[in-house]
PDB file of N, CA and C in Angstrom:
ATOM      1  N   MET A   1      38.651 140.519  47.512  1.00  0.00           N
ATOM      2  CA  MET A   1      39.574 139.756  48.321  1.00  0.00           C
ATOM      3  C   MET A   1      38.834 139.056  49.466  1.00  0.00           C
ATOM      4  N   LYS A   2      37.869 139.743  50.071  1.00  0.00           N
ATOM      5  CA  LYS A   2      37.121 139.129  51.163  1.00  0.00           C
ATOM      6  C   LYS A   2      36.335 137.924  50.665  1.00  0.00           C
ATOM      7  N   ASN A   3      35.802 138.020  49.448  1.00  0.00           N
ATOM      8  CA  ASN A   3      35.054 136.906  48.874  1.00  0.00           C
ATOM      9  C   ASN A   3      35.950 135.694  48.672  1.00  0.00           C
ATOM     10  N   ILE A   4      37.156 135.928  48.232  1.00  0.00           N
ATOM     11  CA  ILE A   4      38.095 134.825  48.017  1.00  0.00           C
ATOM     12  C   ILE A   4      38.421 134.159  49.360  1.00  0.00           C
ATOM     13  N   ARG A   5      38.692 134.955  50.376  1.00  0.00           N
ATOM     14  CA  ARG A   5      38.993 134.382  51.695  1.00  0.00           C
ATOM     15  C   ARG A   5      37.800 133.628  52.256  1.00  0.00           C
ATOM     16  N   ALA A   6      36.617 134.140  52.019  1.00  0.00           N
ATOM     17  CA  ALA A   6      35.414 133.512  52.576  1.00  0.00           C
ATOM     18  C   ALA A   6      35.027 132.238  51.830  1.00  0.00           C
ATOM     19  N   ASN A   7      35.270 132.199  50.530  1.00  0.00           N
ATOM     20  CA  ASN A   7      34.749 131.097  49.724  1.00  0.00           C
ATOM     21  C   ASN A   7      35.799 130.209  49.068  1.00  0.00           C
ATOM     22  N   LYS A   8      37.028 130.637  49.031  1.00  0.00           N
ATOM     23  CA  LYS A   8      38.062 129.858  48.328  1.00  0.00           C
ATOM     24  C   LYS A   8      39.204 129.408  49.225  1.00  0.00           C
ATOM     25  N   ASP A   9      39.172 129.767  50.493  1.00  0.00           N
ATOM     26  CA  ASP A   9      40.227 129.371  51.412  1.00  0.00           C
ATOM     27  C   ASP A   9      40.271 127.845  51.503  1.00  0.00           C
ATOM     28  N   CYS A  10      41.409 127.254  51.173  1.00  0.00           N
ATOM     29  CA  CYS A  10      41.515 125.791  51.100  1.00  0.00           C
ATOM     30  C   CYS A  10      41.293 125.122  52.457  1.00  0.00           C
ATOM     31  N   ILE A  11      41.725 125.739  53.514  1.00  0.00           N
ATOM     32  CA  ILE A  11      41.532 125.131  54.839  1.00  0.00           C
ATOM     33  C   ILE A  11      40.059 125.187  55.223  1.00  0.00           C
ATOM     34  N   ARG A  12      39.428 126.303  54.982  1.00  0.00           N
ATOM     35  CA  ARG A  12      38.001 126.417  55.278  1.00  0.00           C
ATOM     36  C   ARG A  12      37.192 125.434  54.437  1.00  0.00           C
ATOM     37  N   ARG A  13      37.536 125.307  53.158  1.00  0.00           N
ATOM     38  CA  ARG A  13      36.818 124.370  52.283  1.00  0.00           C
ATOM     39  C   ARG A  13      37.023 122.929  52.732  1.00  0.00           C
ATOM     40  N   PHE A  14      38.248 122.580  53.129  1.00  0.00           N
ATOM     41  CA  PHE A  14      38.523 121.244  53.631  1.00  0.00           C
ATOM     42  C   PHE A  14      37.690 120.969  54.873  1.00  0.00           C
ATOM     43  N   ARG A  15      37.700 121.908  55.782  1.00  0.00           N
ATOM     44  CA  ARG A  15      36.959 121.762  57.033  1.00  0.00           C
ATOM     45  C   ARG A  15      35.461 121.582  56.768  1.00  0.00           C
ATOM     46  N   ASP A  16      34.918 122.384  55.877  1.00  0.00           N
ATOM     47  CA  ASP A  16      33.496 122.269  55.538  1.00  0.00           C
ATOM     48  C   ASP A  16      33.182 120.910  54.923  1.00  0.00           C
ATOM     49  N   ARG A  17      34.036 120.472  54.024  1.00  0.00           N
ATOM     50  CA  ARG A  17      33.782 119.201  53.350  1.00  0.00           C
ATOM     51  C   ARG A  17      33.906 118.012  54.300  1.00  0.00           C
ATOM     52  N   VAL A  18      34.927 118.019  55.126  1.00  0.00           N
ATOM     53  CA  VAL A  18      35.137 116.909  56.055  1.00  0.00           C
ATOM     54  C   VAL A  18      33.980 116.808  57.045  1.00  0.00           C
ATOM     55  N   THR A  19      33.532 117.934  57.546  1.00  0.00           N
ATOM     56  CA  THR A  19      32.420 117.884  58.507  1.00  0.00           C
ATOM     57  C   THR A  19      31.122 117.481  57.827  1.00  0.00           C
ATOM     58  N   ARG A  20      30.950 117.878  56.585  1.00  0.00           N
ATOM     59  CA  ARG A  20      29.722 117.555  55.859  1.00  0.00           C
ATOM     60  C   ARG A  20      29.736 116.122  55.323  1.00  0.00           C
ATOM     61  N   ASP A  21      30.789 115.740  54.625  1.00  0.00           N
ATOM     62  CA  ASP A  21      30.800 114.465  53.899  1.00  0.00           C
ATOM     63  C   ASP A  21      31.270 113.281  54.738  1.00  0.00           C
ATOM     64  N   PHE A  22      32.062 113.531  55.757  1.00  0.00           N
ATOM     65  CA  PHE A  22      32.632 112.427  56.524  1.00  0.00           C
ATOM     66  C   PHE A  22      32.166 112.418  57.977  1.00  0.00           C
ATOM     67  N   ASN A  23      31.215 113.273  58.278  1.00  0.00           N
ATOM     68  CA  ASN A  23      30.575 113.281  59.584  1.00  0.00           C
ATOM     69  C   ASN A  23      31.579 113.425  60.726  1.00  0.00           C
ATOM     70  N   ILE A  24      32.543 114.317  60.543  1.00  0.00           N
ATOM     71  CA  ILE A  24      33.514 114.610  61.587  1.00  0.00           C
ATOM     72  C   ILE A  24      33.085 115.912  62.262  1.00  0.00           C
ATOM     73  N   ALA A  25      33.035 115.890  63.571  1.00  0.00           N
ATOM     74  CA  ALA A  25      32.584 117.062  64.317  1.00  0.00           C
ATOM     75  C   ALA A  25      33.637 118.165  64.281  1.00  0.00           C
ATOM     76  N   THR A  26      33.175 119.398  64.262  1.00  0.00           N
ATOM     77  CA  THR A  26      34.113 120.517  64.295  1.00  0.00           C
ATOM     78  C   THR A  26      34.937 120.507  65.577  1.00  0.00           C
ATOM     79  N   SER A  27      34.368 119.975  66.651  1.00  0.00           N
ATOM     80  CA  SER A  27      35.128 119.889  67.909  1.00  0.00           C
ATOM     81  C   SER A  27      36.332 118.962  67.751  1.00  0.00           C
ATOM     82  N   GLU A  28      36.190 117.910  66.932  1.00  0.00           N
ATOM     83  CA  GLU A  28      37.331 117.024  66.674  1.00  0.00           C
ATOM     84  C   GLU A  28      38.426 117.762  65.913  1.00  0.00           C
ATOM     85  N   LEU A  29      38.026 118.528  64.921  1.00  0.00           N
ATOM     86  CA  LEU A  29      39.008 119.301  64.154  1.00  0.00           C
ATOM     87  C   LEU A  29      39.668 120.354  65.044  1.00  0.00           C
ATOM     88  N   ASP A  30      38.892 120.979  65.917  1.00  0.00           N
ATOM     89  CA  ASP A  30      39.457 121.956  66.844  1.00  0.00           C
ATOM     90  C   ASP A  30      40.470 121.298  67.778  1.00  0.00           C
ATOM     91  N   ALA A  31      40.179 120.080  68.232  1.00  0.00           N
ATOM     92  CA  ALA A  31      41.105 119.356  69.103  1.00  0.00           C
ATOM     93  C   ALA A  31      42.401 119.028  68.368  1.00  0.00           C
ATOM     94  N   ILE A  32      42.278 118.637  67.115  1.00  0.00           N
ATOM     95  CA  ILE A  32      43.471 118.353  66.298  1.00  0.00           C
ATOM     96  C   ILE A  32      44.291 119.621  66.124  1.00  0.00           C
ATOM     97  N   ASP A  33      43.627 120.730  65.801  1.00  0.00           N
ATOM     98  CA  ASP A  33      44.326 122.006  65.646  1.00  0.00           C
ATOM     99  C   ASP A  33      45.068 122.387  66.925  1.00  0.00           C
ATOM    100  N   ALA A  34      44.430 122.205  68.068  1.00  0.00           N
ATOM    101  CA  ALA A  34      45.058 122.541  69.345  1.00  0.00           C
ATOM    102  C   ALA A  34      46.273 121.658  69.604  1.00  0.00           C
ATOM    103  N   GLU A  35      46.138 120.365  69.313  1.00  0.00           N
ATOM    104  CA  GLU A  35      47.252 119.436  69.531  1.00  0.00           C
ATOM    105  C   GLU A  35      48.431 119.767  68.627  1.00  0.00           C
ATOM    106  N   VAL A  36      48.152 120.055  67.372  1.00  0.00           N
ATOM    107  CA  VAL A  36      49.217 120.402  66.430  1.00  0.00           C
ATOM    108  C   VAL A  36      49.871 121.720  66.833  1.00  0.00           C
ATOM    109  N   GLY A  37      49.067 122.685  67.246  1.00  0.00           N
ATOM    110  CA  GLY A  37      49.623 123.956  67.713  1.00  0.00           C
ATOM    111  C   GLY A  37      50.554 123.762  68.895  1.00  0.00           C
ATOM    112  N   LYS A  38      50.171 122.885  69.810  1.00  0.00           N
ATOM    113  CA  LYS A  38      51.005 122.589  70.979  1.00  0.00           C
ATOM    114  C   LYS A  38      52.324 121.947  70.549  1.00  0.00           C
ATOM    115  N   LEU A  39      52.261 120.999  69.611  1.00  0.00           N
ATOM    116  CA  LEU A  39      53.483 120.351  69.119  1.00  0.00           C
ATOM    117  C   LEU A  39      54.411 121.361  68.442  1.00  0.00           C
ATOM    118  N   ILE A  40      53.832 122.275  67.687  1.00  0.00           N
ATOM    119  CA  ILE A  40      54.641 123.303  67.024  1.00  0.00           C
ATOM    120  C   ILE A  40      55.310 124.204  68.057  1.00  0.00           C
ATOM    121  N   ASP A  41      54.542 124.623  69.067  1.00  0.00           N
ATOM    122  CA  ASP A  41      55.105 125.474  70.121  1.00  0.00           C
ATOM    123  C   ASP A  41      56.237 124.763  70.857  1.00  0.00           C
ATOM    124  N   GLU A  42      56.055 123.475  71.152  1.00  0.00           N
ATOM    125  CA  GLU A  42      57.095 122.707  71.842  1.00  0.00           C
ATOM    126  C   GLU A  42      58.345 122.576  70.983  1.00  0.00           C
ATOM    127  N   ALA A  43      58.166 122.305  69.691  1.00  0.00           N
ATOM    128  CA  ALA A  43      59.316 122.169  68.797  1.00  0.00           C
ATOM    129  C   ALA A  43      60.065 123.492  68.661  1.00  0.00           C
ATOM    130  N   ALA A  44      59.329 124.598  68.584  1.00  0.00           N
ATOM    131  CA  ALA A  44      59.969 125.911  68.476  1.00  0.00           C
ATOM    132  C   ALA A  44      60.741 126.240  69.752  1.00  0.00           C
ATOM    133  N   ALA A  45      60.162 125.933  70.901  1.00  0.00           N
ATOM    134  CA  ALA A  45      60.855 126.178  72.168  1.00  0.00           C
ATOM    135  C   ALA A  45      62.112 125.326  72.276  1.00  0.00           C
ATOM    136  N   GLU A  46      62.027 124.087  71.844  1.00  0.00           N
ATOM    137  CA  GLU A  46      63.198 123.202  71.872  1.00  0.00           C
ATOM    138  C   GLU A  46      64.287 123.721  70.940  1.00  0.00           C
ATOM    139  N   ALA A  47      63.905 124.200  69.780  1.00  0.00           N
ATOM    140  CA  ALA A  47      64.885 124.733  68.839  1.00  0.00           C
ATOM    141  C   ALA A  47      65.555 125.988  69.390  1.00  0.00           C
ATOM    142  N   ARG A  48      64.765 126.856  70.035  1.00  0.00           N
ATOM    143  CA  ARG A  48      65.342 128.075  70.618  1.00  0.00           C
ATOM    144  C   ARG A  48      66.308 127.745  71.758  1.00  0.00           C
ATOM    145  N   ALA A  49      66.018 126.690  72.511  1.00  0.00           N
ATOM    146  CA  ALA A  49      66.850 126.322  73.654  1.00  0.00           C
ATOM    147  C   ALA A  49      68.102 125.547  73.248  1.00  0.00           C
ATOM    148  N   ALA A  50      68.131 125.007  72.054  1.00  0.00           N
ATOM    149  CA  ALA A  50      69.266 124.203  71.604  1.00  0.00           C
ATOM    150  C   ALA A  50      70.484 125.094  71.389  1.00  0.00           C
ATOM    151  N   PRO A  51      71.661 124.528  71.576  1.00  0.00           N
ATOM    152  CA  PRO A  51      72.874 125.322  71.322  1.00  0.00           C
ATOM    153  C   PRO A  51      73.014 125.604  69.827  1.00  0.00           C
ATOM    154  N   ASP A  52      73.685 126.700  69.530  1.00  0.00           N
ATOM    155  CA  ASP A  52      73.931 127.034  68.131  1.00  0.00           C
ATOM    156  C   ASP A  52      74.803 125.955  67.492  1.00  0.00           C
ATOM    157  N   PRO A  53      74.576 125.666  66.223  1.00  0.00           N
ATOM    158  CA  PRO A  53      75.403 124.656  65.554  1.00  0.00           C
ATOM    159  C   PRO A  53      76.832 125.164  65.376  1.00  0.00           C
ATOM    160  N   GLY A  54      77.747 124.227  65.377  1.00  0.00           N
ATOM    161  CA  GLY A  54      79.150 124.571  65.190  1.00  0.00           C
ATOM    162  C   GLY A  54      79.577 124.386  63.744  1.00  0.00           C
ATOM    163  N   PRO A  55      80.815 124.695  63.435  1.00  0.00           N
ATOM    164  CA  PRO A  55      81.318 124.566  62.067  1.00  0.00           C
ATOM    165  C   PRO A  55      81.184 123.141  61.519  1.00  0.00           C
ATOM    166  N   ALA A  56      81.313 122.130  62.369  1.00  0.00           N
ATOM    167  CA  ALA A  56      81.205 120.746  61.898  1.00  0.00           C
ATOM    168  C   ALA A  56      79.788 120.424  61.411  1.00  0.00           C
ATOM    169  N   ASP A  57      78.815 121.181  61.884  1.00  0.00           N
ATOM    170  CA  ASP A  57      77.424 120.942  61.487  1.00  0.00           C
ATOM    171  C   ASP A  57      77.050 121.639  60.187  1.00  0.00           C
ATOM    172  N   LEU A  58      77.936 122.446  59.676  1.00  0.00           N
ATOM    173  CA  LEU A  58      77.623 123.277  58.517  1.00  0.00           C
ATOM    174  C   LEU A  58      77.186 122.466  57.301  1.00  0.00           C
ATOM    175  N   LEU A  59      77.799 121.331  57.083  1.00  0.00           N
ATOM    176  CA  LEU A  59      77.497 120.570  55.882  1.00  0.00           C
ATOM    177  C   LEU A  59      76.722 119.272  56.159  1.00  0.00           C
ATOM    178  N   THR A  60      76.165 119.139  57.346  1.00  0.00           N
ATOM    179  CA  THR A  60      75.345 117.957  57.610  1.00  0.00           C
ATOM    180  C   THR A  60      73.945 118.182  57.060  1.00  0.00           C
ATOM    181  N   ASP A  61      73.298 117.104  56.663  1.00  0.00           N
ATOM    182  CA  ASP A  61      71.955 117.136  56.112  1.00  0.00           C
ATOM    183  C   ASP A  61      71.836 118.034  54.876  1.00  0.00           C
ATOM    184  N   VAL A  62      72.918 118.101  54.106  1.00  0.00           N
ATOM    185  CA  VAL A  62      72.915 118.834  52.846  1.00  0.00           C
ATOM    186  C   VAL A  62      72.901 117.817  51.729  1.00  0.00           C
ATOM    187  N   TYR A  63      72.031 118.003  50.780  1.00  0.00           N
ATOM    188  CA  TYR A  63      71.822 116.993  49.757  1.00  0.00           C
ATOM    189  C   TYR A  63      72.542 117.258  48.442  1.00  0.00           C
ATOM    190  N   ILE A  64      73.422 118.226  48.431  1.00  0.00           N
ATOM    191  CA  ILE A  64      74.188 118.506  47.233  1.00  0.00           C
ATOM    192  C   ILE A  64      75.619 118.810  47.649  1.00  0.00           C
ATOM    193  N   LYS A  65      76.554 118.392  46.819  1.00  0.00           N
ATOM    194  CA  LYS A  65      77.966 118.695  47.089  1.00  0.00           C
ATOM    195  C   LYS A  65      78.463 119.699  46.060  1.00  0.00           C
ATOM    196  N   TYR A  66      79.292 120.603  46.523  1.00  0.00           N
ATOM    197  CA  TYR A  66      79.852 121.607  45.624  1.00  0.00           C
ATOM    198  C   TYR A  66      81.272 121.291  45.306  1.00  0.00           C
TER     199      TYR A  66
END
């Protein structure tokens, strides 16, 4: 299992390839990761602070009708 995580992890492989083949610095990837993490944290906080949906919202954004 450790070998699979070390050598087959898709994110690690992507990161290795991008830095090797496209000359992107790991610091750039780290900055992107930090920015995305911040956006996720902000979205989660906004969702937690939002009021609970009401009965009228039950069937909004549903793509199938019963």
